[in-house]
Amino acid sequence: MNPDDEVCLCFHVSLRKVRTFLSRDNPPVASLISECLGAGTGCQWCVPFLKHLHACQVEGKPVDLKVSPEQYAKSRLSYRSTQQRDQRVVEEATGGDTGESPPS
């Protein structure tokens, strides 16, 4: 994604805004992205992507999503009607890392 592409399509929160928040505030938990920017509080499509971006920041990796904005938006439309995320798109965008702990 490019910096000005939207991560949260409901509230028009760009990747740049998320990156800036993460680098400036270094939040200890991903949910603070939602509290401070509103991202992830609408349809919740972007929640695993926000968790991934937070995990990248914590691990010192580049804060990015590896998906085209067109594919991201198209997959969100499908999610809105089915409430099921296309796992292929999630894995492509996050490199398989959604910032969630594996089940124990």
PDB file of N, CA and C in Angstrom:
ATOM      1  N   MET A   1       0.838  -1.184   0.000  1.00  0.00           N
ATOM      2  CA  MET A   1       0.000   0.000   0.000  1.00  0.00           C
ATOM      3  C   MET A   1       0.880   1.243   0.000  1.00  0.00           C
ATOM      4  N   ASN A   2       0.341   2.276  -0.541  1.00  0.00           N
ATOM      5  CA  ASN A   2       1.005   3.571  -0.486  1.00  0.00           C
ATOM      6  C   ASN A   2       0.594   4.283   0.802  1.00  0.00           C
ATOM      7  N   PRO A   3       1.407   5.203   1.278  1.00  0.00           N
ATOM      8  CA  PRO A   3       1.100   5.868   2.555  1.00  0.00           C
ATOM      9  C   PRO A   3      -0.276   6.530   2.620  1.00  0.00           C
ATOM     10  N   ASP A   4      -0.761   7.053   1.510  1.00  0.00           N
ATOM     11  CA  ASP A   4      -2.043   7.746   1.544  1.00  0.00           C
ATOM     12  C   ASP A   4      -3.239   6.842   1.256  1.00  0.00           C
ATOM     13  N   ASP A   5      -2.997   5.560   1.049  1.00  0.00           N
ATOM     14  CA  ASP A   5      -4.100   4.606   0.890  1.00  0.00           C
ATOM     15  C   ASP A   5      -4.748   4.372   2.245  1.00  0.00           C
ATOM     16  N   GLU A   6      -6.045   4.134   2.217  1.00  0.00           N
ATOM     17  CA  GLU A   6      -6.796   3.966   3.458  1.00  0.00           C
ATOM     18  C   GLU A   6      -6.722   2.541   3.983  1.00  0.00           C
ATOM     19  N   VAL A   7      -6.393   2.416   5.262  1.00  0.00           N
ATOM     20  CA  VAL A   7      -6.425   1.130   5.953  1.00  0.00           C
ATOM     21  C   VAL A   7      -7.841   0.912   6.481  1.00  0.00           C
ATOM     22  N   CYS A   8      -8.401   1.950   7.101  1.00  0.00           N
ATOM     23  CA  CYS A   8      -9.778   1.895   7.595  1.00  0.00           C
ATOM     24  C   CYS A   8     -10.653   2.636   6.589  1.00  0.00           C
ATOM     25  N   LEU A   9     -11.429   1.869   5.838  1.00  0.00           N
ATOM     26  CA  LEU A   9     -12.261   2.458   4.796  1.00  0.00           C
ATOM     27  C   LEU A   9     -13.519   3.108   5.367  1.00  0.00           C
ATOM     28  N   CYS A  10     -13.959   2.689   6.538  1.00  0.00           N
ATOM     29  CA  CYS A  10     -15.144   3.294   7.155  1.00  0.00           C
ATOM     30  C   CYS A  10     -14.867   4.742   7.575  1.00  0.00           C
ATOM     31  N   PHE A  11     -13.716   4.960   8.202  1.00  0.00           N
ATOM     32  CA  PHE A  11     -13.397   6.270   8.768  1.00  0.00           C
ATOM     33  C   PHE A  11     -12.241   6.965   8.055  1.00  0.00           C
ATOM     34  N   HIS A  12     -11.856   6.436   6.877  1.00  0.00           N
ATOM     35  CA  HIS A  12     -10.854   7.070   6.012  1.00  0.00           C
ATOM     36  C   HIS A  12      -9.533   7.330   6.739  1.00  0.00           C
ATOM     37  N   VAL A  13      -9.046   6.313   7.434  1.00  0.00           N
ATOM     38  CA  VAL A  13      -7.763   6.417   8.142  1.00  0.00           C
ATOM     39  C   VAL A  13      -6.683   5.827   7.239  1.00  0.00           C
ATOM     40  N   SER A  14      -5.735   6.667   6.869  1.00  0.00           N
ATOM     41  CA  SER A  14      -4.698   6.238   5.930  1.00  0.00           C
ATOM     42  C   SER A  14      -3.575   5.479   6.631  1.00  0.00           C
ATOM     43  N   LEU A  15      -2.819   4.762   5.818  1.00  0.00           N
ATOM     44  CA  LEU A  15      -1.637   4.063   6.322  1.00  0.00           C
ATOM     45  C   LEU A  15      -0.665   5.076   6.929  1.00  0.00           C
ATOM     46  N   ARG A  16      -0.531   6.233   6.302  1.00  0.00           N
ATOM     47  CA  ARG A  16       0.358   7.274   6.824  1.00  0.00           C
ATOM     48  C   ARG A  16      -0.062   7.696   8.238  1.00  0.00           C
ATOM     49  N   LYS A  17      -1.368   7.857   8.444  1.00  0.00           N
ATOM     50  CA  LYS A  17      -1.863   8.270   9.760  1.00  0.00           C
ATOM     51  C   LYS A  17      -1.571   7.199  10.811  1.00  0.00           C
ATOM     52  N   VAL A  18      -1.755   5.929  10.443  1.00  0.00           N
ATOM     53  CA  VAL A  18      -1.467   4.828  11.367  1.00  0.00           C
ATOM     54  C   VAL A  18       0.030   4.789  11.668  1.00  0.00           C
ATOM     55  N   ARG A  19       0.861   4.903  10.627  1.00  0.00           N
ATOM     56  CA  ARG A  19       2.310   4.895  10.829  1.00  0.00           C
ATOM     57  C   ARG A  19       2.751   6.026  11.756  1.00  0.00           C
ATOM     58  N   THR A  20       2.214   7.209  11.520  1.00  0.00           N
ATOM     59  CA  THR A  20       2.580   8.369  12.337  1.00  0.00           C
ATOM     60  C   THR A  20       2.196   8.151  13.792  1.00  0.00           C
ATOM     61  N   PHE A  21       0.982   7.646  14.005  1.00  0.00           N
ATOM     62  CA  PHE A  21       0.534   7.365  15.362  1.00  0.00           C
ATOM     63  C   PHE A  21       1.439   6.343  16.035  1.00  0.00           C
ATOM     64  N   LEU A  22       1.750   5.259  15.312  1.00  0.00           N
ATOM     65  CA  LEU A  22       2.588   4.208  15.897  1.00  0.00           C
ATOM     66  C   LEU A  22       3.980   4.725  16.239  1.00  0.00           C
ATOM     67  N   SER A  23       4.576   5.504  15.343  1.00  0.00           N
ATOM     68  CA  SER A  23       5.944   5.979  15.611  1.00  0.00           C
ATOM     69  C   SER A  23       5.962   7.063  16.688  1.00  0.00           C
ATOM     70  N   ARG A  24       4.938   7.890  16.734  1.00  0.00           N
ATOM     71  CA  ARG A  24       4.901   8.984  17.707  1.00  0.00           C
ATOM     72  C   ARG A  24       4.560   8.484  19.112  1.00  0.00           C
ATOM     73  N   ASP A  25       3.523   7.633  19.205  1.00  0.00           N
ATOM     74  CA  ASP A  25       3.024   7.220  20.514  1.00  0.00           C
ATOM     75  C   ASP A  25       3.508   5.852  20.973  1.00  0.00           C
ATOM     76  N   ASN A  26       3.973   5.029  20.030  1.00  0.00           N
ATOM     77  CA  ASN A  26       4.440   3.684  20.350  1.00  0.00           C
ATOM     78  C   ASN A  26       3.493   2.984  21.333  1.00  0.00           C
ATOM     79  N   PRO A  27       2.226   2.807  20.928  1.00  0.00           N
ATOM     80  CA  PRO A  27       1.243   2.235  21.848  1.00  0.00           C
ATOM     81  C   PRO A  27       1.592   0.799  22.243  1.00  0.00           C
ATOM     82  N   PRO A  28       1.356   0.438  23.496  1.00  0.00           N
ATOM     83  CA  PRO A  28       1.691  -0.907  23.958  1.00  0.00           C
ATOM     84  C   PRO A  28       0.750  -1.984  23.412  1.00  0.00           C
ATOM     85  N   VAL A  29      -0.457  -1.596  23.004  1.00  0.00           N
ATOM     86  CA  VAL A  29      -1.415  -2.558  22.456  1.00  0.00           C
ATOM     87  C   VAL A  29      -2.061  -1.989  21.197  1.00  0.00           C
ATOM     88  N   ALA A  30      -2.423  -2.871  20.273  1.00  0.00           N
ATOM     89  CA  ALA A  30      -2.997  -2.455  18.991  1.00  0.00           C
ATOM     90  C   ALA A  30      -4.337  -1.747  19.152  1.00  0.00           C
ATOM     91  N   SER A  31      -5.088  -2.084  20.183  1.00  0.00           N
ATOM     92  CA  SER A  31      -6.417  -1.493  20.347  1.00  0.00           C
ATOM     93  C   SER A  31      -6.367   0.027  20.538  1.00  0.00           C
ATOM     94  N   LEU A  32      -5.230   0.562  20.921  1.00  0.00           N
ATOM     95  CA  LEU A  32      -5.108   2.015  21.061  1.00  0.00           C
ATOM     96  C   LEU A  32      -5.187   2.723  19.714  1.00  0.00           C
ATOM     97  N   ILE A  33      -4.892   2.017  18.635  1.00  0.00           N
ATOM     98  CA  ILE A  33      -5.069   2.591  17.300  1.00  0.00           C
ATOM     99  C   ILE A  33      -6.551   2.914  17.106  1.00  0.00           C
ATOM    100  N   SER A  34      -7.402   2.002  17.519  1.00  0.00           N
ATOM    101  CA  SER A  34      -8.845   2.215  17.402  1.00  0.00           C
ATOM    102  C   SER A  34      -9.314   3.321  18.324  1.00  0.00           C
ATOM    103  N   GLU A  35      -8.833   3.317  19.554  1.00  0.00           N
ATOM    104  CA  GLU A  35      -9.244   4.340  20.518  1.00  0.00           C
ATOM    105  C   GLU A  35      -8.852   5.732  20.062  1.00  0.00           C
ATOM    106  N   CYS A  36      -7.663   5.873  19.525  1.00  0.00           N
ATOM    107  CA  CYS A  36      -7.156   7.209  19.189  1.00  0.00           C
ATOM    108  C   CYS A  36      -7.516   7.667  17.776  1.00  0.00           C
ATOM    109  N   LEU A  37      -7.594   6.754  16.831  1.00  0.00           N
ATOM    110  CA  LEU A  37      -7.863   7.137  15.445  1.00  0.00           C
ATOM    111  C   LEU A  37      -9.261   6.741  14.975  1.00  0.00           C
ATOM    112  N   GLY A  38      -9.951   5.891  15.714  1.00  0.00           N
ATOM    113  CA  GLY A  38     -11.267   5.414  15.307  1.00  0.00           C
ATOM    114  C   GLY A  38     -11.211   4.240  14.337  1.00  0.00           C
ATOM    115  N   ALA A  39     -10.037   3.942  13.806  1.00  0.00           N
ATOM    116  CA  ALA A  39      -9.891   2.845  12.848  1.00  0.00           C
ATOM    117  C   ALA A  39     -10.294   1.521  13.491  1.00  0.00           C
ATOM    118  N   GLY A  40     -11.042   0.728  12.761  1.00  0.00           N
ATOM    119  CA  GLY A  40     -11.428  -0.597  13.250  1.00  0.00           C
ATOM    120  C   GLY A  40     -12.706  -0.607  14.058  1.00  0.00           C
ATOM    121  N   THR A  41     -13.347   0.536  14.232  1.00  0.00           N
ATOM    122  CA  THR A  41     -14.560   0.581  15.058  1.00  0.00           C
ATOM    123  C   THR A  41     -15.843   0.571  14.235  1.00  0.00           C
ATOM    124  N   GLY A  42     -15.719   0.573  12.911  1.00  0.00           N
ATOM    125  CA  GLY A  42     -16.897   0.530  12.044  1.00  0.00           C
ATOM    126  C   GLY A  42     -17.246  -0.919  11.725  1.00  0.00           C
ATOM    127  N   CYS A  43     -16.956  -1.328  10.510  1.00  0.00           N
ATOM    128  CA  CYS A  43     -17.300  -2.699  10.073  1.00  0.00           C
ATOM    129  C   CYS A  43     -16.320  -3.738  10.615  1.00  0.00           C
ATOM    130  N   GLN A  44     -15.183  -3.302  11.116  1.00  0.00           N
ATOM    131  CA  GLN A  44     -14.130  -4.133  11.709  1.00  0.00           C
ATOM    132  C   GLN A  44     -13.315  -4.931  10.695  1.00  0.00           C
ATOM    133  N   TRP A  45     -13.474  -4.641   9.417  1.00  0.00           N
ATOM    134  CA  TRP A  45     -12.696  -5.302   8.376  1.00  0.00           C
ATOM    135  C   TRP A  45     -11.199  -5.140   8.633  1.00  0.00           C
ATOM    136  N   CYS A  46     -10.775  -3.964   9.049  1.00  0.00           N
ATOM    137  CA  CYS A  46      -9.348  -3.656   9.124  1.00  0.00           C
ATOM    138  C   CYS A  46      -8.670  -4.127  10.406  1.00  0.00           C
ATOM    139  N   VAL A  47      -9.394  -4.699  11.341  1.00  0.00           N
ATOM    140  CA  VAL A  47      -8.809  -5.069  12.633  1.00  0.00           C
ATOM    141  C   VAL A  47      -7.570  -5.970  12.501  1.00  0.00           C
ATOM    142  N   PRO A  48      -7.592  -7.064  11.726  1.00  0.00           N
ATOM    143  CA  PRO A  48      -6.370  -7.877  11.651  1.00  0.00           C
ATOM    144  C   PRO A  48      -5.209  -7.133  10.986  1.00  0.00           C
ATOM    145  N   PHE A  49      -5.534  -6.200  10.107  1.00  0.00           N
ATOM    146  CA  PHE A  49      -4.492  -5.421   9.450  1.00  0.00           C
ATOM    147  C   PHE A  49      -3.883  -4.411  10.421  1.00  0.00           C
ATOM    148  N   LEU A  50      -4.723  -3.820  11.261  1.00  0.00           N
ATOM    149  CA  LEU A  50      -4.215  -2.909  12.293  1.00  0.00           C
ATOM    150  C   LEU A  50      -3.332  -3.660  13.285  1.00  0.00           C
ATOM    151  N   LYS A  51      -3.731  -4.870  13.653  1.00  0.00           N
ATOM    152  CA  LYS A  51      -2.915  -5.685  14.556  1.00  0.00           C
ATOM    153  C   LYS A  51      -1.567  -6.004  13.924  1.00  0.00           C
ATOM    154  N   HIS A  52      -1.589  -6.286  12.629  1.00  0.00           N
ATOM    155  CA  HIS A  52      -0.340  -6.564  11.910  1.00  0.00           C
ATOM    156  C   HIS A  52       0.566  -5.335  11.912  1.00  0.00           C
ATOM    157  N   LEU A  53       0.006  -4.174  11.625  1.00  0.00           N
ATOM    158  CA  LEU A  53       0.801  -2.953  11.596  1.00  0.00           C
ATOM    159  C   LEU A  53       1.415  -2.663  12.967  1.00  0.00           C
ATOM    160  N   HIS A  54       0.635  -2.886  14.011  1.00  0.00           N
ATOM    161  CA  HIS A  54       1.154  -2.697  15.374  1.00  0.00           C
ATOM    162  C   HIS A  54       2.285  -3.689  15.656  1.00  0.00           C
ATOM    163  N   ALA A  55       2.103  -4.943  15.267  1.00  0.00           N
ATOM    164  CA  ALA A  55       3.140  -5.961  15.490  1.00  0.00           C
ATOM    165  C   ALA A  55       4.427  -5.587  14.756  1.00  0.00           C
ATOM    166  N   CYS A  56       4.296  -5.041  13.552  1.00  0.00           N
ATOM    167  CA  CYS A  56       5.483  -4.597  12.806  1.00  0.00           C
ATOM    168  C   CYS A  56       6.226  -3.516  13.585  1.00  0.00           C
ATOM    169  N   GLN A  57       5.487  -2.561  14.116  1.00  0.00           N
ATOM    170  CA  GLN A  57       6.099  -1.479  14.892  1.00  0.00           C
ATOM    171  C   GLN A  57       6.832  -2.043  16.111  1.00  0.00           C
ATOM    172  N   VAL A  58       6.186  -2.940  16.825  1.00  0.00           N
ATOM    173  CA  VAL A  58       6.769  -3.525  18.041  1.00  0.00           C
ATOM    174  C   VAL A  58       8.044  -4.294  17.712  1.00  0.00           C
ATOM    175  N   GLU A  59       8.028  -5.006  16.573  1.00  0.00           N
ATOM    176  CA  GLU A  59       9.175  -5.836  16.185  1.00  0.00           C
ATOM    177  C   GLU A  59      10.248  -5.053  15.431  1.00  0.00           C
ATOM    178  N   GLY A  60      10.011  -3.773  15.190  1.00  0.00           N
ATOM    179  CA  GLY A  60      10.993  -2.963  14.474  1.00  0.00           C
ATOM    180  C   GLY A  60      11.042  -3.241  12.986  1.00  0.00           C
ATOM    181  N   LYS A  61       9.976  -3.808  12.445  1.00  0.00           N
ATOM    182  CA  LYS A  61       9.888  -4.102  11.014  1.00  0.00           C
ATOM    183  C   LYS A  61       9.197  -2.940  10.306  1.00  0.00           C
ATOM    184  N   PRO A  62       9.331  -2.871   8.970  1.00  0.00           N
ATOM    185  CA  PRO A  62       8.607  -1.832   8.231  1.00  0.00           C
ATOM    186  C   PRO A  62       7.093  -1.972   8.442  1.00  0.00           C
ATOM    187  N   VAL A  63       6.449  -0.873   8.735  1.00  0.00           N
ATOM    188  CA  VAL A  63       5.009  -0.853   8.989  1.00  0.00           C
ATOM    189  C   VAL A  63       4.315  -0.716   7.639  1.00  0.00           C
ATOM    190  N   ASP A  64       3.850  -1.850   7.093  1.00  0.00           N
ATOM    191  CA  ASP A  64       3.303  -1.847   5.741  1.00  0.00           C
ATOM    192  C   ASP A  64       2.321  -2.993   5.549  1.00  0.00           C
ATOM    193  N   LEU A  65       1.501  -2.853   4.528  1.00  0.00           N
ATOM    194  CA  LEU A  65       0.605  -3.916   4.076  1.00  0.00           C
ATOM    195  C   LEU A  65       0.957  -4.195   2.624  1.00  0.00           C
ATOM    196  N   LYS A  66       1.154  -5.456   2.301  1.00  0.00           N
ATOM    197  CA  LYS A  66       1.575  -5.845   0.957  1.00  0.00           C
ATOM    198  C   LYS A  66       0.379  -6.275   0.129  1.00  0.00           C
ATOM    199  N   VAL A  67      -0.500  -5.317  -0.158  1.00  0.00           N
ATOM    200  CA  VAL A  67      -1.681  -5.588  -0.970  1.00  0.00           C
ATOM    201  C   VAL A  67      -2.033  -4.306  -1.704  1.00  0.00           C
ATOM    202  N   SER A  68      -2.597  -4.450  -2.887  1.00  0.00           N
ATOM    203  CA  SER A  68      -3.002  -3.254  -3.625  1.00  0.00           C
ATOM    204  C   SER A  68      -4.259  -2.673  -2.982  1.00  0.00           C
ATOM    205  N   PRO A  69      -4.412  -1.358  -3.037  1.00  0.00           N
ATOM    206  CA  PRO A  69      -5.616  -0.749  -2.463  1.00  0.00           C
ATOM    207  C   PRO A  69      -6.888  -1.251  -3.141  1.00  0.00           C
ATOM    208  N   GLU A  70      -6.789  -1.591  -4.425  1.00  0.00           N
ATOM    209  CA  GLU A  70      -7.952  -2.108  -5.155  1.00  0.00           C
ATOM    210  C   GLU A  70      -8.369  -3.475  -4.621  1.00  0.00           C
ATOM    211  N   GLN A  71      -7.388  -4.364  -4.414  1.00  0.00           N
ATOM    212  CA  GLN A  71      -7.688  -5.701  -3.880  1.00  0.00           C
ATOM    213  C   GLN A  71      -8.214  -5.603  -2.449  1.00  0.00           C
ATOM    214  N   TYR A  72      -7.638  -4.707  -1.684  1.00  0.00           N
ATOM    215  CA  TYR A  72      -8.055  -4.491  -0.295  1.00  0.00           C
ATOM    216  C   TYR A  72      -9.520  -4.047  -0.249  1.00  0.00           C
ATOM    217  N   ALA A  73      -9.867  -3.056  -1.057  1.00  0.00           N
ATOM    218  CA  ALA A  73     -11.244  -2.535  -1.081  1.00  0.00           C
ATOM    219  C   ALA A  73     -12.222  -3.577  -1.611  1.00  0.00           C
ATOM    220  N   LYS A  74     -11.818  -4.313  -2.628  1.00  0.00           N
ATOM    221  CA  LYS A  74     -12.682  -5.358  -3.202  1.00  0.00           C
ATOM    222  C   LYS A  74     -12.973  -6.441  -2.159  1.00  0.00           C
ATOM    223  N   SER A  75     -11.958  -6.842  -1.426  1.00  0.00           N
ATOM    224  CA  SER A  75     -12.134  -7.878  -0.402  1.00  0.00           C
ATOM    225  C   SER A  75     -13.016  -7.379   0.742  1.00  0.00           C
ATOM    226  N   ARG A  76     -12.913  -6.101   1.047  1.00  0.00           N
ATOM    227  CA  ARG A  76     -13.762  -5.533   2.095  1.00  0.00           C
ATOM    228  C   ARG A  76     -15.227  -5.559   1.667  1.00  0.00           C
ATOM    229  N   LEU A  77     -15.505  -5.303   0.388  1.00  0.00           N
ATOM    230  CA  LEU A  77     -16.893  -5.361  -0.092  1.00  0.00           C
ATOM    231  C   LEU A  77     -17.479  -6.754   0.127  1.00  0.00           C
ATOM    232  N   SER A  78     -16.690  -7.765  -0.174  1.00  0.00           N
ATOM    233  CA  SER A  78     -17.130  -9.144   0.047  1.00  0.00           C
ATOM    234  C   SER A  78     -17.350  -9.394   1.537  1.00  0.00           C
ATOM    235  N   TYR A  79     -16.435  -8.901   2.362  1.00  0.00           N
ATOM    236  CA  TYR A  79     -16.550  -9.065   3.819  1.00  0.00           C
ATOM    237  C   TYR A  79     -17.833  -8.415   4.342  1.00  0.00           C
ATOM    238  N   ARG A  80     -18.157  -7.258   3.813  1.00  0.00           N
ATOM    239  CA  ARG A  80     -19.344  -6.533   4.277  1.00  0.00           C
ATOM    240  C   ARG A  80     -20.617  -7.344   4.047  1.00  0.00           C
ATOM    241  N   SER A  81     -20.651  -8.129   2.978  1.00  0.00           N
ATOM    242  CA  SER A  81     -21.865  -8.910   2.697  1.00  0.00           C
ATOM    243  C   SER A  81     -21.852 -10.287   3.348  1.00  0.00           C
ATOM    244  N   THR A  82     -20.655 -10.850   3.602  1.00  0.00           N
ATOM    245  CA  THR A  82     -20.577 -12.214   4.134  1.00  0.00           C
ATOM    246  C   THR A  82     -20.084 -12.290   5.577  1.00  0.00           C
ATOM    247  N   GLN A  83     -19.444 -11.220   6.064  1.00  0.00           N
ATOM    248  CA  GLN A  83     -18.785 -11.193   7.373  1.00  0.00           C
ATOM    249  C   GLN A  83     -17.664 -12.234   7.477  1.00  0.00           C
ATOM    250  N   GLN A  84     -17.132 -12.641   6.331  1.00  0.00           N
ATOM    251  CA  GLN A  84     -16.004 -13.576   6.279  1.00  0.00           C
ATOM    252  C   GLN A  84     -14.858 -12.915   5.527  1.00  0.00           C
ATOM    253  N   ARG A  85     -13.688 -12.872   6.154  1.00  0.00           N
ATOM    254  CA  ARG A  85     -12.512 -12.303   5.494  1.00  0.00           C
ATOM    255  C   ARG A  85     -11.920 -13.320   4.527  1.00  0.00           C
ATOM    256  N   ASP A  86     -11.465 -12.841   3.396  1.00  0.00           N
ATOM    257  CA  ASP A  86     -10.756 -13.676   2.430  1.00  0.00           C
ATOM    258  C   ASP A  86      -9.354 -13.898   3.006  1.00  0.00           C
ATOM    259  N   GLN A  87      -9.104 -15.064   3.549  1.00  0.00           N
ATOM    260  CA  GLN A  87      -7.827 -15.354   4.225  1.00  0.00           C
ATOM    261  C   GLN A  87      -6.638 -15.193   3.301  1.00  0.00           C
ATOM    262  N   ARG A  88      -6.844 -15.431   2.021  1.00  0.00           N
ATOM    263  CA  ARG A  88      -5.763 -15.268   1.054  1.00  0.00           C
ATOM    264  C   ARG A  88      -5.305 -13.805   1.014  1.00  0.00           C
ATOM    265  N   VAL A  89      -6.257 -12.885   1.035  1.00  0.00           N
ATOM    266  CA  VAL A  89      -5.931 -11.462   1.017  1.00  0.00           C
ATOM    267  C   VAL A  89      -5.273 -11.045   2.331  1.00  0.00           C
ATOM    268  N   VAL A  90      -5.798 -11.553   3.448  1.00  0.00           N
ATOM    269  CA  VAL A  90      -5.210 -11.233   4.755  1.00  0.00           C
ATOM    270  C   VAL A  90      -3.760 -11.707   4.795  1.00  0.00           C
ATOM    271  N   GLU A  91      -3.516 -12.933   4.361  1.00  0.00           N
ATOM    272  CA  GLU A  91      -2.160 -13.481   4.384  1.00  0.00           C
ATOM    273  C   GLU A  91      -1.239 -12.746   3.421  1.00  0.00           C
ATOM    274  N   GLU A  92      -1.760 -12.373   2.254  1.00  0.00           N
ATOM    275  CA  GLU A  92      -0.951 -11.624   1.291  1.00  0.00           C
ATOM    276  C   GLU A  92      -0.564 -10.260   1.870  1.00  0.00           C
ATOM    277  N   ALA A  93      -1.511  -9.573   2.463  1.00  0.00           N
ATOM    278  CA  ALA A  93      -1.271  -8.222   2.987  1.00  0.00           C
ATOM    279  C   ALA A  93      -0.348  -8.221   4.187  1.00  0.00           C
ATOM    280  N   THR A  94      -0.463  -9.228   5.019  1.00  0.00           N
ATOM    281  CA  THR A  94       0.288  -9.248   6.273  1.00  0.00           C
ATOM    282  C   THR A  94       1.484 -10.189   6.251  1.00  0.00           C
ATOM    283  N   GLY A  95       1.657 -10.898   5.170  1.00  0.00           N
ATOM    284  CA  GLY A  95       2.720 -11.902   5.133  1.00  0.00           C
ATOM    285  C   GLY A  95       2.431 -13.054   6.073  1.00  0.00           C
ATOM    286  N   GLY A  96       1.135 -13.254   6.368  1.00  0.00           N
ATOM    287  CA  GLY A  96       0.716 -14.323   7.281  1.00  0.00           C
ATOM    288  C   GLY A  96       0.732 -13.934   8.739  1.00  0.00           C
ATOM    289  N   ASP A  97       1.150 -12.688   9.034  1.00  0.00           N
ATOM    290  CA  ASP A  97       1.226 -12.217  10.422  1.00  0.00           C
ATOM    291  C   ASP A  97       0.134 -11.210  10.680  1.00  0.00           C
ATOM    292  N   THR A  98      -0.913 -11.618  11.413  1.00  0.00           N
ATOM    293  CA  THR A  98      -2.000 -10.701  11.742  1.00  0.00           C
ATOM    294  C   THR A  98      -1.844 -10.126  13.123  1.00  0.00           C
ATOM    295  N   GLY A  99      -0.695 -10.376  13.752  1.00  0.00           N
ATOM    296  CA  GLY A  99      -0.458  -9.837  15.078  1.00  0.00           C
ATOM    297  C   GLY A  99      -1.191 -10.576  16.180  1.00  0.00           C
ATOM    298  N   GLU A 100      -1.781 -11.721  15.831  1.00  0.00           N
ATOM    299  CA  GLU A 100      -2.509 -12.503  16.809  1.00  0.00           C
ATOM    300  C   GLU A 100      -1.675 -13.694  17.244  1.00  0.00           C
ATOM    301  N   SER A 101      -1.827 -14.063  18.479  1.00  0.00           N
ATOM    302  CA  SER A 101      -1.105 -15.217  18.987  1.00  0.00           C
ATOM    303  C   SER A 101      -1.717 -16.486  18.434  1.00  0.00           C
ATOM    304  N   PRO A 102      -0.892 -17.489  18.121  1.00  0.00           N
ATOM    305  CA  PRO A 102      -1.441 -18.757  17.663  1.00  0.00           C
ATOM    306  C   PRO A 102      -2.225 -19.436  18.796  1.00  0.00           C
ATOM    307  N   PRO A 103      -3.249 -20.212  18.438  1.00  0.00           N
ATOM    308  CA  PRO A 103      -4.010 -20.897  19.492  1.00  0.00           C
ATOM    309  C   PRO A 103      -3.142 -21.865  20.269  1.00  0.00           C
ATOM    310  N   SER A 104      -3.403 -21.969  21.565  1.00  0.00           N
ATOM    311  CA  SER A 104      -2.585 -22.873  22.390  1.00  0.00           C
ATOM    312  C   SER A 104      -3.296 -24.169  22.660  1.00  0.00           C
TER     313      SER A 104
END
